[in-house]
Protein backbone atom coordinates (compact mmCIF):
# COMPACT_ATOMS: atom_id res chain seq x y z
CA MET A 1 21.18 11.49 25.19
CA ARG A 2 18.11 10.35 27.09
CA ASN A 3 18.65 10.04 30.86
CA VAL A 4 16.69 7.85 33.21
CA SER A 5 15.07 10.10 35.85
CA LYS A 6 13.66 8.91 39.34
CA GLU A 7 10.35 8.95 38.12
CA ILE A 8 11.09 6.77 35.00
CA PHE A 9 13.09 4.29 36.95
CA LEU A 10 10.44 3.79 39.74
CA ASN A 11 7.61 3.62 37.06
CA ALA A 12 9.57 1.08 34.95
CA LEU A 13 9.86 -1.20 37.95
CA VAL A 14 6.25 -1.59 37.91
CA CYS A 15 5.81 -1.85 33.95
CA PRO A 16 8.69 -1.29 31.51
CA THR A 17 6.20 0.13 29.09
CA LEU A 18 5.21 2.68 31.58
CA GLY A 19 8.51 3.65 32.15
CA TRP A 20 9.11 4.10 28.30
CA LEU A 21 5.77 6.03 27.87
CA ILE A 22 6.73 8.54 30.54
CA ARG A 23 10.14 9.22 29.09
CA MET A 24 8.42 9.67 25.64
CA SER A 25 5.62 11.91 27.11
CA ARG A 26 8.27 14.09 28.91
CA GLU A 27 10.35 14.66 25.97
CA GLU A 28 7.63 15.16 23.39
CA VAL A 29 4.74 16.67 25.26
CA SER A 30 4.92 20.12 26.88
CA ARG A 31 1.75 21.91 28.28
CA GLU A 32 1.24 24.56 30.85
CA PRO A 33 0.48 23.32 34.25
CA THR A 34 -3.10 23.93 35.71
CA LEU A 35 -3.59 26.34 38.40
CA GLY A 36 -3.86 23.72 40.83
CA GLU A 37 -0.89 21.87 39.52
CA ARG A 38 1.25 25.22 39.85
CA PHE A 39 0.08 25.78 43.17
CA ARG A 40 1.17 22.26 44.46
CA MET A 41 4.54 22.72 42.72
CA GLU A 42 4.83 26.09 44.50
CA GLN A 43 3.87 24.53 47.86
CA GLY A 44 6.67 21.97 47.27
CA MET A 45 9.22 24.68 46.47
CA GLU A 46 8.20 26.75 49.60
CA ILE A 47 8.66 23.64 51.54
CA GLY A 48 12.01 23.04 50.17
CA LYS A 49 13.19 26.46 50.58
CA LYS A 50 12.12 26.65 54.40
CA ALA A 51 14.09 23.21 54.74
CA ARG A 52 17.31 24.88 53.31
CA GLU A 53 16.77 27.95 55.68
CA LEU A 54 17.78 25.71 58.60
CA TYR A 55 21.29 25.68 57.45
CA ASN A 56 23.17 28.89 57.23
CA ASP A 57 26.24 27.38 55.32
CA GLY A 58 24.30 25.45 52.83
CA VAL A 59 25.27 25.94 49.07
CA LEU A 60 22.50 25.63 46.35
CA ILE A 61 23.31 24.05 43.10
CA VAL A 62 20.99 26.33 40.65
CA ASP A 63 22.48 25.16 37.15
CA ARG A 64 19.59 23.62 35.40
CA ASN A 65 21.84 21.70 32.98
CA ILE A 66 22.26 18.28 34.08
CA ALA A 67 25.81 17.84 33.03
CA SER A 68 27.26 21.06 34.31
CA ALA A 69 25.23 20.86 37.66
CA SER A 70 26.68 17.36 38.15
CA LYS A 71 30.24 18.60 37.65
CA GLU A 72 29.60 21.44 39.98
CA THR A 73 28.19 19.07 42.65
CA LYS A 74 31.42 16.85 42.39
CA SER A 75 33.56 19.91 42.71
CA LEU A 76 31.82 21.00 46.01
CA ILE A 77 31.86 17.60 47.47
CA ASP A 78 35.55 17.44 47.04
CA ASN A 79 35.77 20.94 48.81
CA PRO A 80 36.30 20.08 52.54
CA ASN A 81 35.02 23.43 53.52
CA ILE A 82 31.62 22.72 51.91
CA SER A 83 29.56 20.97 54.85
CA VAL A 84 25.98 21.06 53.53
CA LEU A 85 24.96 21.01 49.95
CA PHE A 86 21.27 21.60 48.21
CA GLU A 87 20.06 20.02 45.26
CA GLY A 88 23.17 18.08 44.57
CA THR A 89 23.04 16.56 41.00
CA PHE A 90 24.43 13.35 40.05
CA LEU A 91 24.81 11.71 36.63
CA ILE A 92 26.08 8.37 35.83
CA ASP A 93 25.56 5.79 32.76
CA GLY A 94 22.34 7.68 31.83
CA PHE A 95 20.71 7.81 35.35
CA ILE A 96 20.28 11.10 37.18
CA ALA A 97 19.42 12.01 40.71
CA LYS A 98 19.05 15.16 42.94
CA ALA A 99 19.43 15.26 46.69
CA ASP A 100 17.52 17.82 48.43
CA ILE A 101 20.01 18.04 51.35
CA LEU A 102 23.53 16.49 51.64
CA LYS A 103 25.15 17.11 54.90
CA ARG A 104 28.77 16.24 55.52
CA LYS A 105 29.47 13.67 58.26
CA GLY A 106 33.12 12.92 58.36
CA ASP A 107 34.17 11.30 55.13
CA ASP A 108 30.68 10.25 54.54
CA TRP A 109 27.36 12.12 53.78
CA HIS A 110 23.95 12.33 55.55
CA MET A 111 21.19 12.39 52.69
CA ILE A 112 17.70 14.29 53.76
CA GLU A 113 14.83 14.00 51.56
CA VAL A 114 12.24 16.77 52.10
CA LYS A 115 8.61 16.04 51.42
CA SER A 116 5.54 18.42 51.71
CA SER A 117 3.50 15.74 53.40
CA VAL A 118 2.61 15.14 57.08
CA ASN A 119 2.71 11.14 56.61
CA ASP A 120 5.38 8.70 55.95
CA LYS A 121 4.73 6.58 52.99
CA GLU A 122 6.20 3.53 51.65
CA GLU A 123 6.84 5.23 48.16
CA PHE A 124 9.07 7.70 49.91
CA ILE A 125 11.31 4.78 50.63
CA ASP A 126 11.78 4.17 46.85
CA ASP A 127 12.62 7.76 46.20
CA MET A 128 15.37 7.70 48.60
CA ALA A 129 16.69 4.36 47.69
CA TYR A 130 16.79 5.56 43.98
CA THR A 131 18.76 8.86 44.82
CA THR A 132 21.17 6.98 47.21
CA MET A 133 21.94 4.27 44.72
CA VAL A 134 22.82 6.86 42.06
CA ILE A 135 24.83 8.76 44.29
CA GLY A 136 26.74 5.63 45.44
CA GLN A 137 27.23 4.61 41.96
CA CYS A 138 28.96 8.15 41.35
CA GLY A 139 31.45 7.18 44.06
CA PHE A 140 30.12 8.94 47.05
CA ASP A 141 29.27 7.25 50.33
CA ILE A 142 25.94 7.92 52.00
CA SER A 143 26.11 6.54 55.61
CA THR A 144 22.69 8.13 56.80
CA VAL A 145 19.42 8.53 54.79
CA SER A 146 16.50 10.39 56.44
CA LEU A 147 13.12 11.64 55.50
CA ARG A 148 12.01 15.28 56.72
CA LEU A 149 8.28 15.76 56.77
CA ILE A 150 6.06 18.60 57.92
CA SER A 151 5.00 18.42 61.57
CA LYS A 152 1.21 17.90 62.31
CA ASP A 153 1.98 20.00 65.43
CA PHE A 154 3.06 23.27 63.50
CA ARG A 155 1.19 26.41 63.67
CA LEU A 156 1.75 29.45 61.60
CA GLU A 157 3.04 31.56 64.54
CA MET A 158 5.96 28.99 65.40
CA LYS A 159 9.49 29.21 64.40
CA ASN A 160 10.84 27.42 61.28
CA GLU A 161 12.61 24.61 62.87
CA ASN A 162 8.88 23.54 64.14
CA LEU A 163 7.84 23.01 60.73
CA PHE A 164 9.51 19.75 60.42
CA VAL A 165 9.98 16.23 61.73
CA GLU A 166 12.90 13.92 60.77
CA ILE A 167 12.73 10.22 60.36
CA ASP A 168 15.92 7.79 59.98
CA HIS A 169 15.15 5.36 57.10
CA THR A 170 18.77 4.31 56.47
CA ASP A 171 18.18 0.52 56.95
CA GLU A 172 14.86 0.43 54.94
CA VAL A 173 16.89 2.41 52.09
CA LEU A 174 19.74 0.27 51.96
CA ASP A 175 17.60 -2.85 51.78
CA ARG A 176 15.64 -1.40 48.99
CA ILE A 177 18.83 -0.40 46.83
CA GLU A 178 19.69 -4.25 46.86
CA VAL A 179 16.30 -4.88 45.33
CA PHE A 180 16.84 -2.05 42.62
CA LYS A 181 20.41 -3.04 41.61
CA PRO A 182 19.48 -5.87 39.42
CA PHE A 183 17.03 -3.76 37.40
CA CYS A 184 19.24 -0.98 36.45
CA GLU A 185 20.64 -2.39 33.23
CA PRO A 186 17.49 -3.70 31.62
CA ILE A 187 15.53 -0.38 32.70
CA GLU A 188 18.26 1.61 31.12
CA LYS A 189 18.18 -0.36 27.91
CA ILE A 190 14.22 -0.66 27.74
CA THR A 191 13.88 3.09 28.12
CA ARG A 192 16.43 4.14 25.69
CA GLN A 193 15.00 2.15 22.74
CA SER A 194 13.03 4.03 20.18
CA VAL A 195 10.25 1.50 19.68
CA LYS A 196 7.80 0.95 22.50
CA PRO A 197 8.25 -2.25 24.54
CA GLU A 198 5.35 -4.79 23.86
CA PRO A 199 2.82 -4.01 26.88
CA LYS A 200 1.32 -6.52 28.84
CA LEU A 201 -2.08 -6.12 30.60
CA ARG A 202 -1.74 -6.42 34.29
CA PHE A 203 -3.99 -5.65 37.19
CA GLU A 204 -1.78 -2.53 38.17
CA CYS A 205 -2.70 -0.98 34.73
CA ARG A 206 -6.13 0.01 36.07
CA LYS A 207 -4.71 2.93 37.86
CA CYS A 208 -2.21 3.99 35.28
CA GLU A 209 -2.43 7.72 34.17
CA LEU A 210 -1.20 6.46 30.67
CA PHE A 211 -3.58 3.65 30.37
CA LYS A 212 -5.53 5.21 27.57
CA GLU A 213 -2.25 5.86 25.64
CA CYS A 214 -1.31 2.33 26.11
CA LEU A 215 -3.35 -0.94 26.26
CA GLY A 216 -6.49 1.05 26.87
CA LYS A 217 -6.48 2.91 23.57
CA GLU A 218 -9.35 2.52 21.24
CA ILE A 219 -11.08 0.42 23.68
CA ASP A 220 -14.53 2.05 24.83
CA ASN A 221 -15.64 -0.31 27.49
CA HIS A 222 -12.53 -2.04 29.06
CA ILE A 223 -12.94 -4.68 31.81
CA PHE A 224 -11.31 -1.96 34.18
CA ASP A 225 -14.69 -0.21 34.05
CA ILE A 226 -16.28 -2.89 36.16
CA PRO A 227 -16.71 -1.28 39.53
CA ARG A 228 -14.67 -2.99 42.49
CA LEU A 229 -12.85 -5.46 40.06
CA SER A 230 -10.87 -7.81 42.14
CA GLN A 231 -7.61 -9.39 41.12
CA SER A 232 -9.10 -12.92 41.06
CA LYS A 233 -11.80 -11.83 38.56
CA PHE A 234 -9.24 -9.90 36.58
CA ASP A 235 -7.11 -13.02 36.47
CA LYS A 236 -9.95 -15.09 35.34
CA LEU A 237 -11.02 -12.62 32.46
CA MET A 238 -7.37 -12.81 31.33
CA GLU A 239 -7.41 -16.75 31.23
CA LEU A 240 -10.64 -16.10 28.73
CA ASP A 241 -8.83 -13.60 26.73
CA ILE A 242 -11.20 -10.98 27.70
CA VAL A 243 -10.57 -7.36 27.68
CA CYS A 244 -13.81 -5.75 26.70
CA MET A 245 -16.89 -5.72 28.69
CA GLU A 246 -19.03 -6.70 25.57
CA ASP A 247 -17.26 -10.16 25.62
CA ILE A 248 -18.00 -11.09 29.24
CA PRO A 249 -20.48 -13.98 28.98
CA ASP A 250 -23.48 -14.17 31.14
CA GLY A 251 -22.26 -16.99 33.24
CA PHE A 252 -19.21 -15.30 34.35
CA SER A 253 -19.45 -14.55 38.20
CA LEU A 254 -20.24 -10.95 38.83
CA THR A 255 -21.85 -9.03 41.77
CA GLU A 256 -25.21 -7.56 41.16
CA ASN A 257 -23.80 -3.99 40.53
CA GLN A 258 -21.15 -5.47 38.14
CA ALA A 259 -23.43 -7.48 36.23
CA ARG A 260 -25.72 -4.35 35.90
CA VAL A 261 -22.72 -2.34 34.24
CA ARG A 262 -21.88 -5.37 32.06
CA ASP A 263 -25.61 -5.52 30.79
CA CYS A 264 -25.85 -1.91 30.18
CA VAL A 265 -22.89 -1.83 27.99
CA GLN A 266 -23.97 -4.93 26.14
CA THR A 267 -27.61 -3.73 25.62
CA LYS A 268 -26.37 -0.27 25.12
CA LYS A 269 -29.36 0.85 27.23
CA PRO A 270 -29.39 2.65 30.65
CA PHE A 271 -30.64 0.92 33.69
CA VAL A 272 -33.38 2.38 35.74
CA GLY A 273 -34.05 0.70 38.94
CA ASP A 274 -37.40 0.14 40.40
CA ARG A 275 -36.69 2.15 43.57
CA LEU A 276 -35.31 5.28 41.68
CA GLU A 277 -38.96 6.82 41.74
CA GLY A 278 -39.56 6.09 45.58
CA ASP A 279 -36.08 7.22 46.52
CA LEU A 280 -36.52 10.58 44.67
CA GLU A 281 -40.16 11.02 46.13
CA SER A 282 -38.61 10.64 49.54
CA ILE A 283 -37.29 14.22 49.09
CA SER A 284 -38.91 16.85 51.10
CA TRP A 285 -39.67 20.34 49.48
CA PRO A 286 -38.56 22.85 49.27
CA ALA A 287 -35.23 21.18 48.58
CA HIS A 288 -31.78 22.67 48.99
CA TYR A 289 -28.86 21.68 46.68
CA LEU A 290 -25.58 22.34 48.63
CA ASP A 291 -21.95 22.45 47.59
CA PHE A 292 -18.87 23.40 49.39
CA GLU A 293 -15.47 24.50 48.18
CA THR A 294 -12.36 24.37 50.53
CA VAL A 295 -8.61 25.14 50.87
CA MET A 296 -5.87 22.81 52.13
CA THR A 297 -2.25 23.87 52.33
CA ALA A 298 0.82 22.47 53.51
CA ILE A 299 1.92 25.67 55.33
CA PRO A 300 -1.33 27.07 57.26
CA LEU A 301 -2.95 30.10 55.83
CA TYR A 302 -4.39 31.25 59.35
CA PRO A 303 -3.16 31.04 62.91
CA ASP A 304 -3.95 27.87 65.20
CA ILE A 305 -4.65 25.77 62.09
CA ALA A 306 -2.59 22.65 61.52
CA PRO A 307 -0.80 21.79 57.92
CA TYR A 308 -3.38 20.37 55.58
CA ILE A 309 -6.46 20.90 57.50
CA GLN A 310 -9.23 21.52 55.12
CA ILE A 311 -10.89 24.87 55.44
CA PRO A 312 -14.45 25.30 53.86
CA THR A 313 -14.16 28.64 52.21
CA GLN A 314 -17.46 29.08 50.24
CA TYR A 315 -20.85 27.43 49.55
CA SER A 316 -23.60 27.67 46.95
CA ILE A 317 -27.42 26.70 47.75
CA HIS A 318 -30.05 26.52 45.11
CA LYS A 319 -33.45 26.16 46.39
CA CYS A 320 -36.25 24.46 44.49
CA SER A 321 -39.81 24.04 44.93
CA GLU A 322 -39.89 21.13 42.75
CA PRO A 323 -37.41 19.15 40.63
CA GLY A 324 -35.98 21.78 38.38
CA HIS A 325 -37.74 24.96 39.59
CA ILE A 326 -35.43 27.12 41.05
CA ILE A 327 -36.99 29.76 43.60
CA ASP A 328 -33.91 31.20 45.32
CA HIS A 329 -30.08 30.96 45.45
CA PHE A 330 -27.61 31.57 48.40
CA GLU A 331 -24.06 31.97 48.30
CA TYR A 332 -21.10 32.68 50.49
CA LEU A 333 -17.45 33.47 49.89
CA ALA A 334 -14.78 33.77 52.96
CA ASP A 335 -12.71 36.67 53.27
CA PRO A 336 -9.39 35.18 52.19
CA SER A 337 -7.53 37.27 54.95
CA LYS A 338 -8.88 35.35 57.89
CA ASP A 339 -10.34 32.08 58.98
CA CYS A 340 -13.90 32.71 58.38
CA ARG A 341 -15.23 29.18 59.39
CA ARG A 342 -17.61 30.33 62.11
CA GLU A 343 -19.25 33.12 59.96
CA LEU A 344 -19.43 30.51 57.10
CA ALA A 345 -21.26 28.08 59.64
CA GLU A 346 -23.68 30.61 60.88
CA ASN A 347 -24.49 32.01 57.47
CA LEU A 348 -25.01 28.24 56.11
CA ILE A 349 -27.40 27.50 59.12
CA ASN A 350 -29.53 30.65 58.40
CA ASP A 351 -29.59 30.05 54.66
CA LEU A 352 -30.71 26.37 55.46
CA LYS A 353 -33.31 27.26 58.14
CA GLY A 354 -36.71 25.78 58.08
CA LYS A 355 -37.64 22.42 56.46
CA GLY A 356 -36.93 20.64 53.28
CA SER A 357 -34.19 18.11 52.14
CA ILE A 358 -30.57 19.36 51.60
CA ILE A 359 -29.21 17.51 48.65
CA ILE A 360 -25.53 16.72 48.31
CA TYR A 361 -23.37 14.71 45.83
CA GLY A 362 -21.23 12.27 48.01
CA ASN A 363 -20.26 12.51 51.46
CA PHE A 364 -18.01 15.50 51.34
CA GLU A 365 -20.59 18.20 52.48
CA LYS A 366 -21.18 15.95 55.73
CA THR A 367 -17.62 15.49 56.53
CA ILE A 368 -17.00 19.27 56.46
CA ILE A 369 -20.13 20.30 58.46
CA THR A 370 -18.86 17.61 61.09
CA SER A 371 -15.43 19.17 61.16
CA ILE A 372 -16.94 22.67 61.75
CA GLY A 373 -19.05 21.39 64.60
CA ARG A 374 -15.92 19.85 66.28
CA VAL A 375 -14.23 23.44 65.98
CA TYR A 376 -17.35 25.24 67.37
CA PRO A 377 -19.33 22.71 69.69
CA GLY A 378 -21.94 25.73 70.39
CA LEU A 379 -23.18 25.24 66.80
CA SER A 380 -22.83 21.43 66.57
CA ILE A 381 -26.63 20.84 67.23
CA GLU A 382 -27.86 23.13 64.60
CA LEU A 383 -25.15 21.69 62.28
CA ASN A 384 -26.17 18.22 63.03
CA SER A 385 -29.83 18.99 62.24
CA LEU A 386 -28.60 19.89 58.72
CA ILE A 387 -26.88 16.49 58.31
CA ASP A 388 -30.03 14.86 59.47
CA ARG A 389 -31.83 16.58 56.38
CA MET A 390 -29.17 15.38 53.90
CA MET A 391 -29.89 13.19 50.90
CA ASP A 392 -26.90 12.08 48.78
CA LEU A 393 -27.91 12.28 45.20
CA GLU A 394 -24.96 10.17 44.11
CA ALA A 395 -25.89 7.29 46.37
CA VAL A 396 -29.47 7.27 44.69
CA ILE A 397 -27.93 7.21 41.38
CA ARG A 398 -25.52 4.43 42.40
CA LYS A 399 -28.27 2.13 43.56
CA ASN A 400 -30.83 2.96 40.97
CA PHE A 401 -29.49 4.22 37.68
CA TYR A 402 -26.52 3.37 35.34
CA HIS A 403 -25.79 4.49 31.86
CA PRO A 404 -23.21 2.75 29.56
CA ASP A 405 -21.37 6.26 29.19
CA PHE A 406 -20.67 6.07 32.84
CA HIS A 407 -17.71 3.60 32.27
CA GLY A 408 -17.96 2.26 35.92
CA SER A 409 -18.16 5.58 37.58
CA THR A 410 -20.86 7.54 39.35
CA SER A 411 -18.73 10.69 40.01
CA ILE A 412 -20.32 13.86 38.84
CA LYS A 413 -17.65 14.26 36.20
CA ARG A 414 -18.91 11.18 34.38
CA THR A 415 -22.79 11.45 35.40
CA LEU A 416 -23.28 15.18 34.35
CA PRO A 417 -22.12 15.07 30.71
CA THR A 418 -23.89 11.74 30.21
CA ILE A 419 -27.30 12.72 31.69
CA VAL A 420 -27.15 16.57 31.02
CA PRO A 421 -25.15 16.93 27.85
CA ASP A 422 -25.90 20.47 27.31
CA MET A 423 -24.42 21.54 30.48
CA SER A 424 -20.73 22.46 30.45
CA TYR A 425 -18.15 24.11 32.48
CA ASN A 426 -16.09 25.16 29.53
CA ASP A 427 -17.33 28.91 29.61
CA LEU A 428 -16.03 29.31 33.23
CA GLU A 429 -12.71 30.82 34.08
CA ILE A 430 -12.42 28.55 37.00
CA ALA A 431 -13.80 25.06 36.07
CA ASP A 432 -12.65 22.49 38.57
CA GLY A 433 -12.28 22.10 42.31
CA ASP A 434 -8.43 22.06 42.28
CA SER A 435 -8.27 25.32 40.55
CA ALA A 436 -10.94 26.86 43.00
CA MET A 437 -8.59 25.72 45.70
CA ALA A 438 -5.60 27.31 44.52
CA ALA A 439 -7.20 30.41 43.36
CA PHE A 440 -8.61 30.97 46.86
CA ALA A 441 -5.13 30.09 48.47
CA TYR A 442 -3.48 32.59 46.19
CA LEU A 443 -6.07 35.27 47.27
CA ALA A 444 -5.09 34.53 50.96
CA LEU A 445 -1.48 34.85 50.26
CA GLY A 446 -1.95 38.23 48.68
CA LYS A 447 -0.94 37.32 45.02
CA TYR A 448 -3.48 39.26 43.25
CA GLU A 449 -3.90 42.98 42.85
CA ASP A 450 -7.32 44.42 44.14
CA ARG A 451 -9.10 44.54 40.72
CA GLU A 452 -7.82 40.88 39.67
CA ALA A 453 -8.79 39.68 43.09
CA GLU A 454 -12.38 40.88 42.65
CA THR A 455 -12.41 39.06 39.34
CA ILE A 456 -11.20 35.93 40.97
CA LYS A 457 -13.95 36.12 43.78
CA ARG A 458 -16.53 36.59 41.07
CA ASN A 459 -15.17 33.36 39.13
CA LEU A 460 -15.01 31.37 42.36
CA LEU A 461 -18.67 32.18 43.12
CA ASP A 462 -19.65 31.28 39.52
CA TYR A 463 -17.93 28.07 39.77
CA CYS A 464 -19.47 26.81 43.04
CA LYS A 465 -22.89 28.15 41.75
CA GLN A 466 -22.50 25.91 38.60
CA ASP A 467 -21.86 22.86 41.03
CA THR A 468 -25.30 23.14 42.55
CA LEU A 469 -27.06 23.92 39.38
CA ALA A 470 -25.57 20.75 38.06
CA MET A 471 -27.27 18.92 40.77
CA VAL A 472 -30.69 20.68 40.03
CA LYS A 473 -30.48 19.59 36.39
CA LEU A 474 -29.22 16.05 37.22
CA HIS A 475 -32.26 15.48 39.55
CA ARG A 476 -34.67 17.02 37.15
CA GLN A 477 -33.27 14.69 34.38
CA LEU A 478 -33.39 11.73 36.59
CA VAL A 479 -37.20 12.32 37.00
CA GLU A 480 -37.44 12.45 33.35
CA TYR A 481 -36.04 8.96 32.94
CA ILE A 482 -38.68 7.81 35.36
């Protein structure tokens, strides 16, 4: 029997085909989560656990079988001696839902949704509305619905009850349920069928994680690759029945940047702007290529730090005397057992002393250095002097260079394999920023034994070093294009 979960239902509201694809992917595709995904799941579970610890008399449903868990839930709800229920499971007509916390309120129940976020979001109303709706269809009355979020004021040394803030969303949830009800039967029918519903291209498809498995399949240069494509331009292209950039006529209204992307795709040639040479020649040598890695956790790793504060944990600097000619390399990795931001900043200032441009990719490094300056105002003058020397290589590429294989993006994930195809992260044990953040967090939490911890630290340094080496090679190849 195929059940309709909250995820499937909410996605099917946006697109029935998406709901069907998600159901099929969950049933047919199984893979190990990445290190970053695993860490986020564990953070969510830890927040849920701490929320449950606020109730000494709560009963947790641990059975993973939906049918038996729903029977146990009903039995406990019918027991007047049970006042609080965790992970209550509900199943009716193929719809399944789990409630984080159910608190008895006379003859009714107070449902509390727990989220590992510091910000209230519209999507949380949808989550709570679906769960409340399914519980109501099972014959149980929910009189109050609230959202429990992480408090921005929480600090590591505080008590557990200070970790959360609670917001009453009863009225919004009840209104949303009335919107949902007419869709239950058609969604249940569509997502159960064995044949994929006929998809229809819509503007929302551009951000869909399953687009390449659906309408984007076998289309190399979809119109969604057009940078900053607006709803109105999308609608006009639909009127012309155009989904590939190769088919966009010269007379179609596009911005200069959009037209550049279209032209590169149609000619199959890269664009090299007249100002590329001048912008690159404005670099002062020796140049320093800088990259940071950070950690950001729901429950702070160190005292006096708020939830989800981004903490810089390491950096890599490649120093070059000219494009592609490396003369030195500097690196720093924080001690995971303590907040090392000041030490990192002092080392950074020392490693970047003197003259020469500091080359970054995007604004991330500027943001991090600015944040450190706020924490340590005594270092702000020296840190601001580093910002004054920075040159954003991505901004140079965005203005002056485009390759058909960029597919509308100038992120380093697109530009590096296109411009420097012989450089890869495949041989690294840690090969992406998400995994690097998770690995450092695990180090800080003492999850690794001594020998394994040293290996992880070396892997983190290798990954960050690869990021700055990538910029060195990108820069060198851009010079070659000139």
